[in-house]
């Protein structure tokens, strides 16, 4: 499976990435850990399926239906598709019904399923209907009214993850991307602040489901959501 992805000019506080792919010869894939929710539209055998997948705290194995096309909308950290905040679907998902004509039912109303090219219009419609709302996360610097502990509780309540977990997942994803692009483990350890090779290996197994050697192996495309979105963890 090869992912195509791009930035979007939809509301930057709600969506930060869109992607698409299609199933190939494999019937399972590794779904890497992720910090943000994804709204996924699947077209298979003349049907349209839709689901909101929450943050995932570790790599898992996911089934891949044959002859399927997938379209994904990655929400920004803490953004909400009502009434399903990320904290309520960590390591889980919410399916949405679809009509016989292929429209997706969200918030009690049916919407035309988007394509890769018109996804911005779909996002704006959900936003204008009050279904997609920006992340309520504010500055995470303590001030005179909010302590560090209060901010940590707020972050977990909104995202479903601690700030430490977000950093660890993003760092592992960045490490996997760097290794896949040909850097050796020594360079990755130094660049991302891992203690040593064992520390890096543990993070890769937990959050990416691959070893450094496996990531460097050519032709390994049975992975999801592993694409470069920034030059640093958390970006």
C-alpha atoms as a PDB file:
ATOM      1  CA  UNK A   1       0.000   0.000   0.000  1.00  0.00           C
ATOM      2  CA  UNK A   2       1.382   3.359  -1.058  1.00  0.00           C
ATOM      3  CA  UNK A   3       0.076   6.500   0.565  1.00  0.00           C
ATOM      4  CA  UNK A   4      -0.396   9.765  -1.248  1.00  0.00           C
ATOM      5  CA  UNK A   5      -0.856  12.732   1.038  1.00  0.00           C
ATOM      6  CA  UNK A   6      -1.011  16.496   0.909  1.00  0.00           C
ATOM      7  CA  UNK A   7      -1.561  19.612   2.961  1.00  0.00           C
ATOM      8  CA  UNK A   8      -4.995  21.174   2.952  1.00  0.00           C
ATOM      9  CA  UNK A   9      -6.278  24.727   2.962  1.00  0.00           C
ATOM     10  CA  UNK A  10      -9.226  23.714   5.126  1.00  0.00           C
ATOM     11  CA  UNK A  11      -9.392  25.222   8.610  1.00  0.00           C
ATOM     12  CA  UNK A  12      -5.877  24.766  10.004  1.00  0.00           C
ATOM     13  CA  UNK A  13      -7.281  24.387  13.510  1.00  0.00           C
ATOM     14  CA  UNK A  14      -9.301  21.342  12.470  1.00  0.00           C
ATOM     15  CA  UNK A  15      -7.496  19.394   9.713  1.00  0.00           C
ATOM     16  CA  UNK A  16      -3.773  19.216   9.019  1.00  0.00           C
ATOM     17  CA  UNK A  17      -3.447  16.449   6.427  1.00  0.00           C
ATOM     18  CA  UNK A  18      -5.402  14.403   3.899  1.00  0.00           C
ATOM     19  CA  UNK A  19      -4.278  11.106   2.415  1.00  0.00           C
ATOM     20  CA  UNK A  20      -5.412   8.288   0.164  1.00  0.00           C
ATOM     21  CA  UNK A  21      -4.349   4.764  -0.706  1.00  0.00           C
ATOM     22  CA  UNK A  22      -5.789   1.537  -2.056  1.00  0.00           C
ATOM     23  CA  UNK A  23      -5.469  -2.086  -1.028  1.00  0.00           C
ATOM     24  CA  UNK A  24      -2.994  -4.323  -2.776  1.00  0.00           C
ATOM     25  CA  UNK A  25      -1.985  -7.938  -2.427  1.00  0.00           C
ATOM     26  CA  UNK A  26      -1.840  -7.952   1.394  1.00  0.00           C
ATOM     27  CA  UNK A  27      -4.809  -8.702   3.651  1.00  0.00           C
ATOM     28  CA  UNK A  28      -3.369  -7.144   6.823  1.00  0.00           C
ATOM     29  CA  UNK A  29      -1.243  -4.113   7.607  1.00  0.00           C
ATOM     30  CA  UNK A  30       0.509  -2.534  10.550  1.00  0.00           C
ATOM     31  CA  UNK A  31      -1.327   0.497  11.887  1.00  0.00           C
ATOM     32  CA  UNK A  32       1.235   2.643  13.667  1.00  0.00           C
ATOM     33  CA  UNK A  33       0.502   4.553  16.856  1.00  0.00           C
ATOM     34  CA  UNK A  34      -0.876   8.028  16.264  1.00  0.00           C
ATOM     35  CA  UNK A  35      -1.832  11.045  18.325  1.00  0.00           C
ATOM     36  CA  UNK A  36      -4.705  12.419  16.235  1.00  0.00           C
ATOM     37  CA  UNK A  37      -8.078  11.136  15.107  1.00  0.00           C
ATOM     38  CA  UNK A  38      -8.669  10.247  11.450  1.00  0.00           C
ATOM     39  CA  UNK A  39     -11.979  10.326   9.591  1.00  0.00           C
ATOM     40  CA  UNK A  40     -11.686   7.518   7.043  1.00  0.00           C
ATOM     41  CA  UNK A  41     -13.877   6.964   3.982  1.00  0.00           C
ATOM     42  CA  UNK A  42     -13.614   3.500   2.393  1.00  0.00           C
ATOM     43  CA  UNK A  43     -15.018   2.597  -1.006  1.00  0.00           C
ATOM     44  CA  UNK A  44     -15.206  -1.130  -1.647  1.00  0.00           C
ATOM     45  CA  UNK A  45     -17.397  -3.364  -3.813  1.00  0.00           C
ATOM     46  CA  UNK A  46     -19.670  -0.472  -4.713  1.00  0.00           C
ATOM     47  CA  UNK A  47     -20.247   0.515  -1.096  1.00  0.00           C
ATOM     48  CA  UNK A  48     -19.105   3.478   0.974  1.00  0.00           C
ATOM     49  CA  UNK A  49     -18.015   2.938   4.586  1.00  0.00           C
ATOM     50  CA  UNK A  50     -16.988   5.631   7.036  1.00  0.00           C
ATOM     51  CA  UNK A  51     -15.438   5.650  10.493  1.00  0.00           C
ATOM     52  CA  UNK A  52     -13.662   7.919  12.928  1.00  0.00           C
ATOM     53  CA  UNK A  53     -10.544   6.255  14.293  1.00  0.00           C
ATOM     54  CA  UNK A  54      -9.171   7.612  17.536  1.00  0.00           C
ATOM     55  CA  UNK A  55      -5.600   8.024  18.708  1.00  0.00           C
ATOM     56  CA  UNK A  56      -3.707   4.743  19.055  1.00  0.00           C
ATOM     57  CA  UNK A  57      -1.219   4.149  21.853  1.00  0.00           C
ATOM     58  CA  UNK A  58       0.668   1.296  20.172  1.00  0.00           C
ATOM     59  CA  UNK A  59       1.116  -0.376  16.808  1.00  0.00           C
ATOM     60  CA  UNK A  60      -1.566  -2.895  15.906  1.00  0.00           C
ATOM     61  CA  UNK A  61      -2.390  -5.248  13.041  1.00  0.00           C
ATOM     62  CA  UNK A  62      -5.413  -4.194  10.987  1.00  0.00           C
ATOM     63  CA  UNK A  63      -7.327  -6.111   8.289  1.00  0.00           C
ATOM     64  CA  UNK A  64      -7.272  -4.769   4.730  1.00  0.00           C
ATOM     65  CA  UNK A  65     -10.336  -5.509   2.578  1.00  0.00           C
ATOM     66  CA  UNK A  66      -9.624  -6.395  -1.061  1.00  0.00           C
ATOM     67  CA  UNK A  67     -10.232  -3.937  -3.895  1.00  0.00           C
ATOM     68  CA  UNK A  68     -10.718  -1.020  -1.524  1.00  0.00           C
ATOM     69  CA  UNK A  69      -9.903   2.668  -1.806  1.00  0.00           C
ATOM     70  CA  UNK A  70      -9.237   4.640   1.360  1.00  0.00           C
ATOM     71  CA  UNK A  71      -9.489   8.388   1.898  1.00  0.00           C
ATOM     72  CA  UNK A  72      -8.342   9.864   5.195  1.00  0.00           C
ATOM     73  CA  UNK A  73      -8.745  13.207   6.945  1.00  0.00           C
ATOM     74  CA  UNK A  74      -6.268  13.692   9.764  1.00  0.00           C
ATOM     75  CA  UNK A  75      -7.664  16.036  12.415  1.00  0.00           C
ATOM     76  CA  UNK A  76      -5.348  18.322  14.323  1.00  0.00           C
ATOM     77  CA  UNK A  77      -4.418  17.341  17.863  1.00  0.00           C
ATOM     78  CA  UNK A  78      -7.496  17.767  20.049  1.00  0.00           C
ATOM     79  CA  UNK A  79      -9.906  18.714  17.240  1.00  0.00           C
ATOM     80  CA  UNK A  80     -13.336  17.136  17.688  1.00  0.00           C
ATOM     81  CA  UNK A  81     -15.863  15.512  15.384  1.00  0.00           C
ATOM     82  CA  UNK A  82     -18.933  15.831  17.580  1.00  0.00           C
ATOM     83  CA  UNK A  83     -20.033  14.052  19.626  1.00  0.00           C
ATOM     84  CA  UNK A  84     -16.855  11.955  19.659  1.00  0.00           C
ATOM     85  CA  UNK A  85     -13.903  13.686  21.362  1.00  0.00           C
ATOM     86  CA  UNK A  86     -10.575  11.940  20.910  1.00  0.00           C
ATOM     87  CA  UNK A  87     -10.474  11.002  24.595  1.00  0.00           C
ATOM     88  CA  UNK A  88     -13.593   8.850  24.123  1.00  0.00           C
ATOM     89  CA  UNK A  89     -12.152   6.722  21.302  1.00  0.00           C
ATOM     90  CA  UNK A  90      -8.507   6.140  22.214  1.00  0.00           C
ATOM     91  CA  UNK A  91      -7.525   2.757  20.728  1.00  0.00           C
ATOM     92  CA  UNK A  92     -10.987   2.520  19.202  1.00  0.00           C
ATOM     93  CA  UNK A  93     -13.251   3.815  16.462  1.00  0.00           C
ATOM     94  CA  UNK A  94     -16.793   4.938  15.709  1.00  0.00           C
ATOM     95  CA  UNK A  95     -18.515   3.677  12.511  1.00  0.00           C
ATOM     96  CA  UNK A  96     -20.884   5.969  10.625  1.00  0.00           C
ATOM     97  CA  UNK A  97     -23.805   4.621   8.590  1.00  0.00           C
ATOM     98  CA  UNK A  98     -24.047   5.222   4.859  1.00  0.00           C
ATOM     99  CA  UNK A  99     -27.097   5.463   2.635  1.00  0.00           C
ATOM    100  CA  UNK A 100     -27.766   3.204  -0.349  1.00  0.00           C
ATOM    101  CA  UNK A 101     -26.702   6.110  -2.571  1.00  0.00           C
ATOM    102  CA  UNK A 102     -23.295   6.278  -0.869  1.00  0.00           C
ATOM    103  CA  UNK A 103     -23.834   9.322   1.339  1.00  0.00           C
ATOM    104  CA  UNK A 104     -22.354   9.309   4.845  1.00  0.00           C
ATOM    105  CA  UNK A 105     -24.544   9.972   7.881  1.00  0.00           C
ATOM    106  CA  UNK A 106     -22.825  12.166  10.481  1.00  0.00           C
ATOM    107  CA  UNK A 107     -24.667  14.115  13.157  1.00  0.00           C
ATOM    108  CA  UNK A 108     -28.040  12.819  11.998  1.00  0.00           C
ATOM    109  CA  UNK A 109     -27.621  14.274   8.503  1.00  0.00           C
ATOM    110  CA  UNK A 110     -26.353  12.602   5.352  1.00  0.00           C
ATOM    111  CA  UNK A 111     -23.425  14.147   3.506  1.00  0.00           C
ATOM    112  CA  UNK A 112     -21.962  13.475   0.094  1.00  0.00           C
ATOM    113  CA  UNK A 113     -18.860  11.334   0.585  1.00  0.00           C
ATOM    114  CA  UNK A 114     -15.818  13.446  -0.296  1.00  0.00           C
ATOM    115  CA  UNK A 115     -13.082  12.740  -2.804  1.00  0.00           C
ATOM    116  CA  UNK A 116      -9.392  13.495  -2.484  1.00  0.00           C
ATOM    117  CA  UNK A 117      -9.859  16.613  -4.607  1.00  0.00           C
ATOM    118  CA  UNK A 118     -12.899  18.158  -2.899  1.00  0.00           C
ATOM    119  CA  UNK A 119     -12.234  17.239   0.707  1.00  0.00           C
ATOM    120  CA  UNK A 120     -11.922  20.893   1.751  1.00  0.00           C
ATOM    121  CA  UNK A 121     -15.569  21.522   0.854  1.00  0.00           C
ATOM    122  CA  UNK A 122     -16.630  18.503   2.929  1.00  0.00           C
ATOM    123  CA  UNK A 123     -14.635  19.743   5.926  1.00  0.00           C
ATOM    124  CA  UNK A 124     -16.146  23.230   5.659  1.00  0.00           C
ATOM    125  CA  UNK A 125     -19.664  21.801   5.544  1.00  0.00           C
ATOM    126  CA  UNK A 126     -19.078  19.789   8.732  1.00  0.00           C
ATOM    127  CA  UNK A 127     -17.472  22.811  10.385  1.00  0.00           C
ATOM    128  CA  UNK A 128     -20.342  25.127   9.430  1.00  0.00           C
ATOM    129  CA  UNK A 129     -22.814  22.568  10.800  1.00  0.00           C
ATOM    130  CA  UNK A 130     -20.996  22.664  14.139  1.00  0.00           C
ATOM    131  CA  UNK A 131     -19.852  19.046  13.854  1.00  0.00           C
ATOM    132  CA  UNK A 132     -16.134  19.669  13.337  1.00  0.00           C
ATOM    133  CA  UNK A 133     -14.699  22.005  15.941  1.00  0.00           C
ATOM    134  CA  UNK A 134     -11.118  23.207  16.497  1.00  0.00           C
ATOM    135  CA  UNK A 135      -8.998  21.907  19.300  1.00  0.00           C
ATOM    136  CA  UNK A 136      -9.698  23.691  22.594  1.00  0.00           C
ATOM    137  CA  UNK A 137      -6.062  23.294  23.573  1.00  0.00           C
ATOM    138  CA  UNK A 138      -4.573  26.597  24.646  1.00  0.00           C
ATOM    139  CA  UNK A 139      -1.039  27.559  25.490  1.00  0.00           C
ATOM    140  CA  UNK A 140       0.406  24.820  27.606  1.00  0.00           C
ATOM    141  CA  UNK A 141       2.606  27.149  29.590  1.00  0.00           C
ATOM    142  CA  UNK A 142       1.498  27.475  33.228  1.00  0.00           C
ATOM    143  CA  UNK A 143       0.340  30.913  34.280  1.00  0.00           C
ATOM    144  CA  UNK A 144      -1.016  32.487  37.408  1.00  0.00           C
ATOM    145  CA  UNK A 145      -4.325  30.692  37.064  1.00  0.00           C
ATOM    146  CA  UNK A 146      -3.345  27.241  35.764  1.00  0.00           C
ATOM    147  CA  UNK A 147      -0.681  25.015  37.235  1.00  0.00           C
ATOM    148  CA  UNK A 148       1.372  22.509  35.270  1.00  0.00           C
ATOM    149  CA  UNK A 149      -0.698  19.699  36.761  1.00  0.00           C
ATOM    150  CA  UNK A 150      -3.924  21.398  35.683  1.00  0.00           C
ATOM    151  CA  UNK A 151      -2.598  21.773  32.152  1.00  0.00           C
ATOM    152  CA  UNK A 152      -1.623  18.112  32.061  1.00  0.00           C
ATOM    153  CA  UNK A 153      -5.122  17.063  33.122  1.00  0.00           C
ATOM    154  CA  UNK A 154      -6.635  19.399  30.531  1.00  0.00           C
ATOM    155  CA  UNK A 155      -4.410  17.956  27.796  1.00  0.00           C
ATOM    156  CA  UNK A 156      -5.380  14.371  28.628  1.00  0.00           C
ATOM    157  CA  UNK A 157      -9.085  15.249  28.851  1.00  0.00           C
ATOM    158  CA  UNK A 158      -8.993  16.841  25.384  1.00  0.00           C
ATOM    159  CA  UNK A 159      -6.667  14.512  23.494  1.00  0.00           C
ATOM    160  CA  UNK A 160      -6.987  11.289  25.460  1.00  0.00           C
ATOM    161  CA  UNK A 161      -3.196  11.229  25.798  1.00  0.00           C
ATOM    162  CA  UNK A 162      -0.682  12.751  28.156  1.00  0.00           C
ATOM    163  CA  UNK A 163       1.756  15.279  26.755  1.00  0.00           C
ATOM    164  CA  UNK A 164       4.504  12.721  27.376  1.00  0.00           C
ATOM    165  CA  UNK A 165       2.669  10.100  25.304  1.00  0.00           C
ATOM    166  CA  UNK A 166       2.183  12.562  22.443  1.00  0.00           C
ATOM    167  CA  UNK A 167       5.905  13.345  22.439  1.00  0.00           C
ATOM    168  CA  UNK A 168       6.878   9.664  22.521  1.00  0.00           C
ATOM    169  CA  UNK A 169       4.538   8.678  19.683  1.00  0.00           C
ATOM    170  CA  UNK A 170       5.564  11.611  17.493  1.00  0.00           C
ATOM    171  CA  UNK A 171       9.241  10.952  18.168  1.00  0.00           C
ATOM    172  CA  UNK A 172       8.918   7.273  17.234  1.00  0.00           C
ATOM    173  CA  UNK A 173       7.140   8.233  14.013  1.00  0.00           C
ATOM    174  CA  UNK A 174       9.905  10.710  13.195  1.00  0.00           C
ATOM    175  CA  UNK A 175      12.530   8.042  13.938  1.00  0.00           C
ATOM    176  CA  UNK A 176      10.779   5.524  11.683  1.00  0.00           C
ATOM    177  CA  UNK A 177      10.628   8.042   8.853  1.00  0.00           C
ATOM    178  CA  UNK A 178      14.323   8.867   9.221  1.00  0.00           C
ATOM    179  CA  UNK A 179      15.302   5.186   9.247  1.00  0.00           C
ATOM    180  CA  UNK A 180      13.092   4.432   6.267  1.00  0.00           C
ATOM    181  CA  UNK A 181      14.770   7.303   4.421  1.00  0.00           C
ATOM    182  CA  UNK A 182      18.191   5.720   4.946  1.00  0.00           C
ATOM    183  CA  UNK A 183      19.675   7.236   8.119  1.00  0.00           C
ATOM    184  CA  UNK A 184      21.488   4.845  10.431  1.00  0.00           C
ATOM    185  CA  UNK A 185      20.327   4.290  13.992  1.00  0.00           C
ATOM    186  CA  UNK A 186      23.242   6.246  15.502  1.00  0.00           C
ATOM    187  CA  UNK A 187      22.183   9.399  13.650  1.00  0.00           C
ATOM    188  CA  UNK A 188      18.551   8.904  14.669  1.00  0.00           C
ATOM    189  CA  UNK A 189      19.440   8.380  18.332  1.00  0.00           C
ATOM    190  CA  UNK A 190      21.490  11.564  18.372  1.00  0.00           C
ATOM    191  CA  UNK A 191      19.004  13.661  16.417  1.00  0.00           C
ATOM    192  CA  UNK A 192      15.938  12.704  18.453  1.00  0.00           C
ATOM    193  CA  UNK A 193      17.437  12.348  21.922  1.00  0.00           C
ATOM    194  CA  UNK A 194      17.085   8.614  22.524  1.00  0.00           C
ATOM    195  CA  UNK A 195      19.393   7.225  25.183  1.00  0.00           C
ATOM    196  CA  UNK A 196      20.827   4.458  23.013  1.00  0.00           C
ATOM    197  CA  UNK A 197      19.954   1.848  20.394  1.00  0.00           C
ATOM    198  CA  UNK A 198      17.951  -0.226  22.893  1.00  0.00           C
ATOM    199  CA  UNK A 199      15.811   2.783  23.799  1.00  0.00           C
ATOM    200  CA  UNK A 200      15.131   3.445  20.111  1.00  0.00           C
ATOM    201  CA  UNK A 201      14.377  -0.226  19.416  1.00  0.00           C
ATOM    202  CA  UNK A 202      11.845  -0.383  22.267  1.00  0.00           C
ATOM    203  CA  UNK A 203      10.034   2.719  20.971  1.00  0.00           C
ATOM    204  CA  UNK A 204       9.917   1.342  17.419  1.00  0.00           C
ATOM    205  CA  UNK A 205       8.490  -1.995  18.540  1.00  0.00           C
ATOM    206  CA  UNK A 206       5.794  -0.368  20.655  1.00  0.00           C
ATOM    207  CA  UNK A 207       4.708   2.527  18.475  1.00  0.00           C
ATOM    208  CA  UNK A 208       5.650   1.495  14.927  1.00  0.00           C
ATOM    209  CA  UNK A 209       5.642  -2.302  15.043  1.00  0.00           C
ATOM    210  CA  UNK A 210       8.890  -2.561  13.088  1.00  0.00           C
ATOM    211  CA  UNK A 211      12.590  -2.899  13.731  1.00  0.00           C
ATOM    212  CA  UNK A 212      15.115  -0.473  12.297  1.00  0.00           C
ATOM    213  CA  UNK A 213      16.195  -3.163   9.830  1.00  0.00           C
ATOM    214  CA  UNK A 214      12.608  -3.808   8.792  1.00  0.00           C
ATOM    215  CA  UNK A 215      12.039  -0.106   8.123  1.00  0.00           C
ATOM    216  CA  UNK A 216      15.130   0.090   5.944  1.00  0.00           C
ATOM    217  CA  UNK A 217      14.137  -3.001   3.944  1.00  0.00           C
ATOM    218  CA  UNK A 218      12.898  -2.103   0.503  1.00  0.00           C
ATOM    219  CA  UNK A 219       9.389  -2.934  -0.542  1.00  0.00           C
ATOM    220  CA  UNK A 220       7.854  -2.911   2.943  1.00  0.00           C
ATOM    221  CA  UNK A 221       4.616  -1.049   2.256  1.00  0.00           C
ATOM    222  CA  UNK A 222       2.239  -2.808   4.645  1.00  0.00           C
ATOM    223  CA  UNK A 223       2.076   0.129   7.043  1.00  0.00           C
ATOM    224  CA  UNK A 224      -0.406   2.902   7.649  1.00  0.00           C
ATOM    225  CA  UNK A 225      -0.129   6.554   8.599  1.00  0.00           C
ATOM    226  CA  UNK A 226       3.655   6.675   8.462  1.00  0.00           C
ATOM    227  CA  UNK A 227       4.414   9.752   6.446  1.00  0.00           C
ATOM    228  CA  UNK A 228       6.512  12.817   6.994  1.00  0.00           C
ATOM    229  CA  UNK A 229       4.484  15.760   8.336  1.00  0.00           C
ATOM    230  CA  UNK A 230       7.298  17.825   9.796  1.00  0.00           C
ATOM    231  CA  UNK A 231      10.981  17.905  10.528  1.00  0.00           C
ATOM    232  CA  UNK A 232      10.638  17.424  14.285  1.00  0.00           C
ATOM    233  CA  UNK A 233       8.569  15.295  16.663  1.00  0.00           C
ATOM    234  CA  UNK A 234       5.323  17.038  17.445  1.00  0.00           C
ATOM    235  CA  UNK A 235       5.282  18.970  14.169  1.00  0.00           C
END
